[in-house]
Amino acid sequence: MAKESGADLIGIADPKELSGQEYQGNSPLEISEQFQSIILIGVMIPKGAFMPLPKGRALYTNTLMAGTATLRIISYKIARKLEEENYLASIAPSEGSEFGYWYADKKTLKADFSMKYAAFCAGLGSFGKNHLFISEKYGSRVRFMAIVTDALLEHGTRSATFLHSSCKNCTACIDACPAHAIHEDGTISRSSCAEYMFQTLGGLRCGMCIRSCPLSCPD
């Protein structure tokens, strides 16, 4: 159903995977212990939204919002179908702030759980130095939404490696970040990234860590 509605990626993760020591985000099980599966639905963001950056940030942001709208429709269909089958289902937002609402914790800038990490646990791909999920086909040009449900579905197997092999000797995203938020030691400053987008750019999204990535936008 998801693919017929326009999804490019779909996977299922075990919520318990988001409780391990190596995971640094929040767990959906902290919201409800009833959740048994996380359904990840992803759409690719067209390369044309990134190529005009940094001048084309309005174009880029608008295209991201279109991706979000598409994900909302797909996710709502899936949630309704699950409820028809007598399961509980709810839709998690695709990012910390959109459409004027704050979804993430304003102090930690963390969402209820990391969809990127859940996608990794579902076996859909790995991570980059930009702290974004990397798909083999689309690089970081992927936007996710997640459905949490009490339906016990078949969970995927996490990807073999956490950091994508192409990232080991590459610093493209670090060099391109205008907020200097991505660091050589593998850490990222969420506050620097958020301050740049919401204050310097007035709410427009940046996208330079994706635009500069050879896996996402090869020249």
C-alpha atoms as a PDB file:
ATOM      1  CA  MET A   1       0.000   0.000   0.000  1.00  0.00           C
ATOM      2  CA  ALA A   2       2.811   2.386   0.870  1.00  0.00           C
ATOM      3  CA  LYS A   3       4.666   1.770  -2.394  1.00  0.00           C
ATOM      4  CA  GLU A   4       1.495   2.095  -4.437  1.00  0.00           C
ATOM      5  CA  SER A   5       0.943   5.482  -2.758  1.00  0.00           C
ATOM      6  CA  GLY A   6       4.411   6.786  -3.662  1.00  0.00           C
ATOM      7  CA  ALA A   7       6.830   5.510  -1.002  1.00  0.00           C
ATOM      8  CA  ASP A   8      10.399   4.860  -2.175  1.00  0.00           C
ATOM      9  CA  LEU A   9      11.586   3.069   0.965  1.00  0.00           C
ATOM     10  CA  ILE A  10       9.751   1.032   3.560  1.00  0.00           C
ATOM     11  CA  GLY A  11      11.024  -0.995   6.491  1.00  0.00           C
ATOM     12  CA  ILE A  12      10.013  -2.227   9.914  1.00  0.00           C
ATOM     13  CA  ALA A  13      12.076  -1.860  13.089  1.00  0.00           C
ATOM     14  CA  ASP A  14      11.780  -3.330  16.553  1.00  0.00           C
ATOM     15  CA  PRO A  15      11.235  -0.509  19.123  1.00  0.00           C
ATOM     16  CA  LYS A  16      13.441  -2.418  21.556  1.00  0.00           C
ATOM     17  CA  GLU A  17      16.393  -1.702  19.232  1.00  0.00           C
ATOM     18  CA  LEU A  18      16.073   1.947  20.259  1.00  0.00           C
ATOM     19  CA  SER A  19      16.941   1.160  23.858  1.00  0.00           C
ATOM     20  CA  GLY A  20      20.518  -0.056  23.455  1.00  0.00           C
ATOM     21  CA  GLN A  21      23.521   1.631  25.034  1.00  0.00           C
ATOM     22  CA  GLU A  22      24.914   2.838  21.694  1.00  0.00           C
ATOM     23  CA  TYR A  23      21.657   4.617  20.875  1.00  0.00           C
ATOM     24  CA  GLN A  24      21.634   8.225  22.126  1.00  0.00           C
ATOM     25  CA  GLY A  25      18.062   9.288  21.338  1.00  0.00           C
ATOM     26  CA  ASN A  26      14.676   8.839  22.979  1.00  0.00           C
ATOM     27  CA  SER A  27      12.759   5.573  22.807  1.00  0.00           C
ATOM     28  CA  PRO A  28       9.160   5.211  21.600  1.00  0.00           C
ATOM     29  CA  LEU A  29       8.697   2.714  24.433  1.00  0.00           C
ATOM     30  CA  GLU A  30       8.986   5.657  26.823  1.00  0.00           C
ATOM     31  CA  ILE A  31       5.730   6.917  25.278  1.00  0.00           C
ATOM     32  CA  SER A  32       3.945   3.574  25.335  1.00  0.00           C
ATOM     33  CA  GLU A  33       5.119   0.058  26.123  1.00  0.00           C
ATOM     34  CA  GLN A  34       2.388  -1.232  23.797  1.00  0.00           C
ATOM     35  CA  PHE A  35       4.385  -0.377  20.673  1.00  0.00           C
ATOM     36  CA  GLN A  36       5.681  -3.528  18.998  1.00  0.00           C
ATOM     37  CA  SER A  37       6.731  -2.218  15.601  1.00  0.00           C
ATOM     38  CA  ILE A  38       7.966   0.950  13.927  1.00  0.00           C
ATOM     39  CA  ILE A  39       7.017   1.229  10.266  1.00  0.00           C
ATOM     40  CA  LEU A  40       9.436   3.489   8.380  1.00  0.00           C
ATOM     41  CA  ILE A  41       8.170   5.107   5.196  1.00  0.00           C
ATOM     42  CA  GLY A  42      10.609   7.135   3.108  1.00  0.00           C
ATOM     43  CA  VAL A  43      10.430   9.274  -0.006  1.00  0.00           C
ATOM     44  CA  MET A  44      13.375  10.571  -1.966  1.00  0.00           C
ATOM     45  CA  ILE A  45      13.842  14.309  -2.385  1.00  0.00           C
ATOM     46  CA  PRO A  46      14.629  15.197  -6.033  1.00  0.00           C
ATOM     47  CA  LYS A  47      18.214  16.133  -6.749  1.00  0.00           C
ATOM     48  CA  GLY A  48      16.950  19.313  -8.423  1.00  0.00           C
ATOM     49  CA  ALA A  49      15.989  20.698  -5.018  1.00  0.00           C
ATOM     50  CA  PHE A  50      19.630  20.566  -3.895  1.00  0.00           C
ATOM     51  CA  MET A  51      21.583  21.627  -6.948  1.00  0.00           C
ATOM     52  CA  PRO A  52      20.704  25.400  -6.679  1.00  0.00           C
ATOM     53  CA  LEU A  53      21.828  25.549  -3.028  1.00  0.00           C
ATOM     54  CA  PRO A  54      22.765  27.691  -1.200  1.00  0.00           C
ATOM     55  CA  LYS A  55      20.869  30.383  -3.131  1.00  0.00           C
ATOM     56  CA  GLY A  56      17.838  28.176  -3.744  1.00  0.00           C
ATOM     57  CA  ARG A  57      16.920  27.520  -0.128  1.00  0.00           C
ATOM     58  CA  ALA A  58      13.291  28.567  -0.640  1.00  0.00           C
ATOM     59  CA  LEU A  59      12.999  26.010  -3.445  1.00  0.00           C
ATOM     60  CA  TYR A  60      14.668  23.364  -1.310  1.00  0.00           C
ATOM     61  CA  THR A  61      12.492  24.031   1.744  1.00  0.00           C
ATOM     62  CA  ASN A  62       9.296  23.982  -0.295  1.00  0.00           C
ATOM     63  CA  THR A  63      10.274  20.656  -1.879  1.00  0.00           C
ATOM     64  CA  LEU A  64      10.961  19.196   1.571  1.00  0.00           C
ATOM     65  CA  MET A  65       7.507  20.254   2.712  1.00  0.00           C
ATOM     66  CA  ALA A  66       6.005  18.574  -0.354  1.00  0.00           C
ATOM     67  CA  GLY A  67       7.823  15.392   0.657  1.00  0.00           C
ATOM     68  CA  THR A  68       6.396  15.739   4.155  1.00  0.00           C
ATOM     69  CA  ALA A  69       2.868  16.205   2.811  1.00  0.00           C
ATOM     70  CA  THR A  70       3.268  13.082   0.691  1.00  0.00           C
ATOM     71  CA  LEU A  71       4.471  11.111   3.702  1.00  0.00           C
ATOM     72  CA  ARG A  72       1.562  12.288   5.808  1.00  0.00           C
ATOM     73  CA  ILE A  73      -0.955  11.011   3.271  1.00  0.00           C
ATOM     74  CA  ILE A  74       0.772   7.639   2.895  1.00  0.00           C
ATOM     75  CA  SER A  75       1.189   7.214   6.662  1.00  0.00           C
ATOM     76  CA  TYR A  76      -2.418   8.131   7.348  1.00  0.00           C
ATOM     77  CA  LYS A  77      -3.612   5.451   4.906  1.00  0.00           C
ATOM     78  CA  ILE A  78      -1.425   2.858   6.605  1.00  0.00           C
ATOM     79  CA  ALA A  79      -2.546   3.888  10.106  1.00  0.00           C
ATOM     80  CA  ARG A  80      -6.190   3.651   9.095  1.00  0.00           C
ATOM     81  CA  LYS A  81      -5.631   0.228   7.555  1.00  0.00           C
ATOM     82  CA  LEU A  82      -3.984  -1.015  10.740  1.00  0.00           C
ATOM     83  CA  GLU A  83      -6.909   0.230  12.791  1.00  0.00           C
ATOM     84  CA  GLU A  84      -9.311  -1.555  10.455  1.00  0.00           C
ATOM     85  CA  GLU A  85      -7.368  -4.696  11.338  1.00  0.00           C
ATOM     86  CA  ASN A  86      -7.969  -3.948  15.062  1.00  0.00           C
ATOM     87  CA  TYR A  87      -4.476  -2.613  15.817  1.00  0.00           C
ATOM     88  CA  LEU A  88      -3.495   0.728  17.310  1.00  0.00           C
ATOM     89  CA  ALA A  89      -1.373   3.046  15.164  1.00  0.00           C
ATOM     90  CA  SER A  90      -0.082   6.601  15.394  1.00  0.00           C
ATOM     91  CA  ILE A  91       2.078   8.756  13.137  1.00  0.00           C
ATOM     92  CA  ALA A  92       5.330  10.340  14.316  1.00  0.00           C
ATOM     93  CA  PRO A  93       6.398  13.672  12.734  1.00  0.00           C
ATOM     94  CA  SER A  94       9.204  13.713  10.191  1.00  0.00           C
ATOM     95  CA  GLU A  95      11.286  16.383  11.921  1.00  0.00           C
ATOM     96  CA  GLY A  96      11.512  18.511  15.034  1.00  0.00           C
ATOM     97  CA  SER A  97       9.810  21.601  13.652  1.00  0.00           C
ATOM     98  CA  GLU A  98       7.477  22.127  10.705  1.00  0.00           C
ATOM     99  CA  PHE A  99       4.301  23.984   9.804  1.00  0.00           C
ATOM    100  CA  GLY A 100       4.770  26.290  12.804  1.00  0.00           C
ATOM    101  CA  TYR A 101       4.744  23.495  15.389  1.00  0.00           C
ATOM    102  CA  TRP A 102       7.606  22.287  17.577  1.00  0.00           C
ATOM    103  CA  TYR A 103       7.704  18.507  17.869  1.00  0.00           C
ATOM    104  CA  ALA A 104      11.137  18.070  19.401  1.00  0.00           C
ATOM    105  CA  ASP A 105      12.276  18.877  22.910  1.00  0.00           C
ATOM    106  CA  LYS A 106      13.398  22.518  22.734  1.00  0.00           C
ATOM    107  CA  LYS A 107      16.274  21.946  25.163  1.00  0.00           C
ATOM    108  CA  THR A 108      17.767  18.782  23.693  1.00  0.00           C
ATOM    109  CA  LEU A 109      16.387  19.286  20.147  1.00  0.00           C
ATOM    110  CA  LYS A 110      15.628  15.556  20.107  1.00  0.00           C
ATOM    111  CA  ALA A 111      12.414  14.064  18.778  1.00  0.00           C
ATOM    112  CA  ASP A 112      10.380  11.324  20.476  1.00  0.00           C
ATOM    113  CA  PHE A 113      12.719   8.876  18.747  1.00  0.00           C
ATOM    114  CA  SER A 114      15.186   8.858  15.872  1.00  0.00           C
ATOM    115  CA  MET A 115      13.624   7.687  12.609  1.00  0.00           C
ATOM    116  CA  LYS A 116      17.080   7.653  11.044  1.00  0.00           C
ATOM    117  CA  TYR A 117      18.299   5.156  13.622  1.00  0.00           C
ATOM    118  CA  ALA A 118      15.097   3.143  13.304  1.00  0.00           C
ATOM    119  CA  ALA A 119      15.667   3.014   9.528  1.00  0.00           C
ATOM    120  CA  PHE A 120      19.192   1.736  10.201  1.00  0.00           C
ATOM    121  CA  CYS A 121      17.775  -0.946  12.526  1.00  0.00           C
ATOM    122  CA  ALA A 122      15.250  -1.888   9.838  1.00  0.00           C
ATOM    123  CA  GLY A 123      18.135  -2.562   7.439  1.00  0.00           C
ATOM    124  CA  LEU A 124      17.355   0.263   5.025  1.00  0.00           C
ATOM    125  CA  GLY A 125      20.834   1.819   5.052  1.00  0.00           C
ATOM    126  CA  SER A 126      23.593   3.327   7.162  1.00  0.00           C
ATOM    127  CA  PHE A 127      24.731   6.686   8.541  1.00  0.00           C
ATOM    128  CA  GLY A 128      27.015   9.414   7.250  1.00  0.00           C
ATOM    129  CA  LYS A 129      29.341  11.829   9.012  1.00  0.00           C
ATOM    130  CA  ASN A 130      26.573  14.392   8.529  1.00  0.00           C
ATOM    131  CA  HIS A 131      24.548  12.358  11.069  1.00  0.00           C
ATOM    132  CA  LEU A 132      21.954  11.673   8.396  1.00  0.00           C
ATOM    133  CA  PHE A 133      20.634   8.374   7.143  1.00  0.00           C
ATOM    134  CA  ILE A 134      22.220   7.181   3.907  1.00  0.00           C
ATOM    135  CA  SER A 135      20.371   5.098   1.350  1.00  0.00           C
ATOM    136  CA  GLU A 136      22.440   3.229  -1.227  1.00  0.00           C
ATOM    137  CA  LYS A 137      20.256   4.612  -4.012  1.00  0.00           C
ATOM    138  CA  TYR A 138      19.534   8.166  -2.836  1.00  0.00           C
ATOM    139  CA  GLY A 139      22.277   9.012  -0.367  1.00  0.00           C
ATOM    140  CA  SER A 140      20.895  11.426   2.255  1.00  0.00           C
ATOM    141  CA  ARG A 141      18.149  12.688  -0.083  1.00  0.00           C
ATOM    142  CA  VAL A 142      15.576  10.741   1.910  1.00  0.00           C
ATOM    143  CA  ARG A 143      12.780  11.983   4.133  1.00  0.00           C
ATOM    144  CA  PHE A 144      11.128   9.621   6.612  1.00  0.00           C
ATOM    145  CA  MET A 145       7.928   9.373   8.552  1.00  0.00           C
ATOM    146  CA  ALA A 146       7.159   6.599  11.017  1.00  0.00           C
ATOM    147  CA  ILE A 147       4.086   4.785  12.236  1.00  0.00           C
ATOM    148  CA  VAL A 148       4.220   3.235  15.692  1.00  0.00           C
ATOM    149  CA  THR A 149       1.830   0.363  16.238  1.00  0.00           C
ATOM    150  CA  ASP A 150       1.015  -2.459  18.613  1.00  0.00           C
ATOM    151  CA  ALA A 151       0.927  -4.836  15.646  1.00  0.00           C
ATOM    152  CA  LEU A 152       3.756  -7.346  15.880  1.00  0.00           C
ATOM    153  CA  LEU A 153       5.172  -7.263  12.351  1.00  0.00           C
ATOM    154  CA  GLU A 154       8.249  -8.916  10.896  1.00  0.00           C
ATOM    155  CA  HIS A 155      11.183  -6.709  11.869  1.00  0.00           C
ATOM    156  CA  GLY A 156      14.094  -6.049   9.539  1.00  0.00           C
ATOM    157  CA  THR A 157      17.725  -6.773  10.366  1.00  0.00           C
ATOM    158  CA  ARG A 158      19.992  -3.804  11.026  1.00  0.00           C
ATOM    159  CA  SER A 159      22.545  -2.913   8.400  1.00  0.00           C
ATOM    160  CA  ALA A 160      25.976  -4.529   8.700  1.00  0.00           C
ATOM    161  CA  THR A 161      27.872  -1.263   9.193  1.00  0.00           C
ATOM    162  CA  PHE A 162      26.806   1.908  10.972  1.00  0.00           C
ATOM    163  CA  LEU A 163      29.037   4.412   9.132  1.00  0.00           C
ATOM    164  CA  HIS A 164      28.924   4.236   5.346  1.00  0.00           C
ATOM    165  CA  SER A 165      32.259   3.077   3.949  1.00  0.00           C
ATOM    166  CA  SER A 166      32.495   6.098   1.608  1.00  0.00           C
ATOM    167  CA  CYS A 167      32.414   8.457   4.585  1.00  0.00           C
ATOM    168  CA  LYS A 168      35.554   7.212   6.283  1.00  0.00           C
ATOM    169  CA  ASN A 169      38.024   9.402   4.378  1.00  0.00           C
ATOM    170  CA  CYS A 170      35.580  12.095   3.239  1.00  0.00           C
ATOM    171  CA  THR A 171      35.041  15.478   4.903  1.00  0.00           C
ATOM    172  CA  ALA A 172      32.764  17.099   2.302  1.00  0.00           C
ATOM    173  CA  CYS A 173      29.849  17.680   4.683  1.00  0.00           C
ATOM    174  CA  ILE A 174      32.151  18.970   7.435  1.00  0.00           C
ATOM    175  CA  ASP A 175      33.793  21.443   5.066  1.00  0.00           C
ATOM    176  CA  ALA A 176      30.471  22.620   3.595  1.00  0.00           C
ATOM    177  CA  CYS A 177      28.539  23.200   6.840  1.00  0.00           C
ATOM    178  CA  PRO A 178      28.018  26.976   7.164  1.00  0.00           C
ATOM    179  CA  ALA A 179      27.235  26.636  10.875  1.00  0.00           C
ATOM    180  CA  HIS A 180      30.364  24.534  11.578  1.00  0.00           C
ATOM    181  CA  ALA A 181      28.044  22.106  13.347  1.00  0.00           C
ATOM    182  CA  ILE A 182      29.630  18.864  12.085  1.00  0.00           C
ATOM    183  CA  HIS A 183      32.902  17.965  13.754  1.00  0.00           C
ATOM    184  CA  GLU A 184      35.840  15.759  12.789  1.00  0.00           C
ATOM    185  CA  ASP A 185      35.429  13.621  15.932  1.00  0.00           C
ATOM    186  CA  GLY A 186      32.002  12.436  14.755  1.00  0.00           C
ATOM    187  CA  THR A 187      29.918  14.721  16.955  1.00  0.00           C
ATOM    188  CA  ILE A 188      27.396  17.322  15.847  1.00  0.00           C
ATOM    189  CA  SER A 189      26.153  20.509  17.471  1.00  0.00           C
ATOM    190  CA  ARG A 190      22.358  20.411  17.190  1.00  0.00           C
ATOM    191  CA  SER A 191      22.080  23.890  18.673  1.00  0.00           C
ATOM    192  CA  SER A 192      24.430  25.414  16.079  1.00  0.00           C
ATOM    193  CA  CYS A 193      22.473  23.760  13.262  1.00  0.00           C
ATOM    194  CA  ALA A 194      19.098  24.867  14.653  1.00  0.00           C
ATOM    195  CA  GLU A 195      20.293  28.419  15.351  1.00  0.00           C
ATOM    196  CA  TYR A 196      21.541  28.761  11.773  1.00  0.00           C
ATOM    197  CA  MET A 197      18.266  27.543  10.261  1.00  0.00           C
ATOM    198  CA  PHE A 198      15.799  29.276  12.527  1.00  0.00           C
ATOM    199  CA  GLN A 199      17.653  32.529  13.132  1.00  0.00           C
ATOM    200  CA  THR A 200      20.099  33.125  10.294  1.00  0.00           C
ATOM    201  CA  LEU A 201      17.860  31.593   7.614  1.00  0.00           C
ATOM    202  CA  GLY A 202      14.577  32.576   9.247  1.00  0.00           C
ATOM    203  CA  GLY A 203      13.184  29.044   9.216  1.00  0.00           C
ATOM    204  CA  LEU A 204      14.340  27.949   5.778  1.00  0.00           C
ATOM    205  CA  ARG A 205      16.223  24.662   5.696  1.00  0.00           C
ATOM    206  CA  CYS A 206      19.945  24.608   4.938  1.00  0.00           C
ATOM    207  CA  GLY A 207      20.702  21.342   3.125  1.00  0.00           C
ATOM    208  CA  MET A 208      24.404  21.978   2.490  1.00  0.00           C
ATOM    209  CA  CYS A 209      25.528  18.767   4.212  1.00  0.00           C
ATOM    210  CA  ILE A 210      23.410  16.848   1.706  1.00  0.00           C
ATOM    211  CA  ARG A 211      24.242  19.046  -1.295  1.00  0.00           C
ATOM    212  CA  SER A 212      27.971  18.526  -0.740  1.00  0.00           C
ATOM    213  CA  CYS A 213      27.774  14.750  -0.258  1.00  0.00           C
ATOM    214  CA  PRO A 214      29.055  12.759  -3.276  1.00  0.00           C
ATOM    215  CA  LEU A 215      26.605   9.974  -2.368  1.00  0.00           C
ATOM    216  CA  SER A 216      23.601  12.307  -2.465  1.00  0.00           C
ATOM    217  CA  CYS A 217      24.400  14.733  -5.260  1.00  0.00           C
ATOM    218  CA  PRO A 218      27.218  13.380  -7.415  1.00  0.00           C
ATOM    219  CA  ASP A 219      28.346  15.998  -9.918  1.00  0.00           C
END
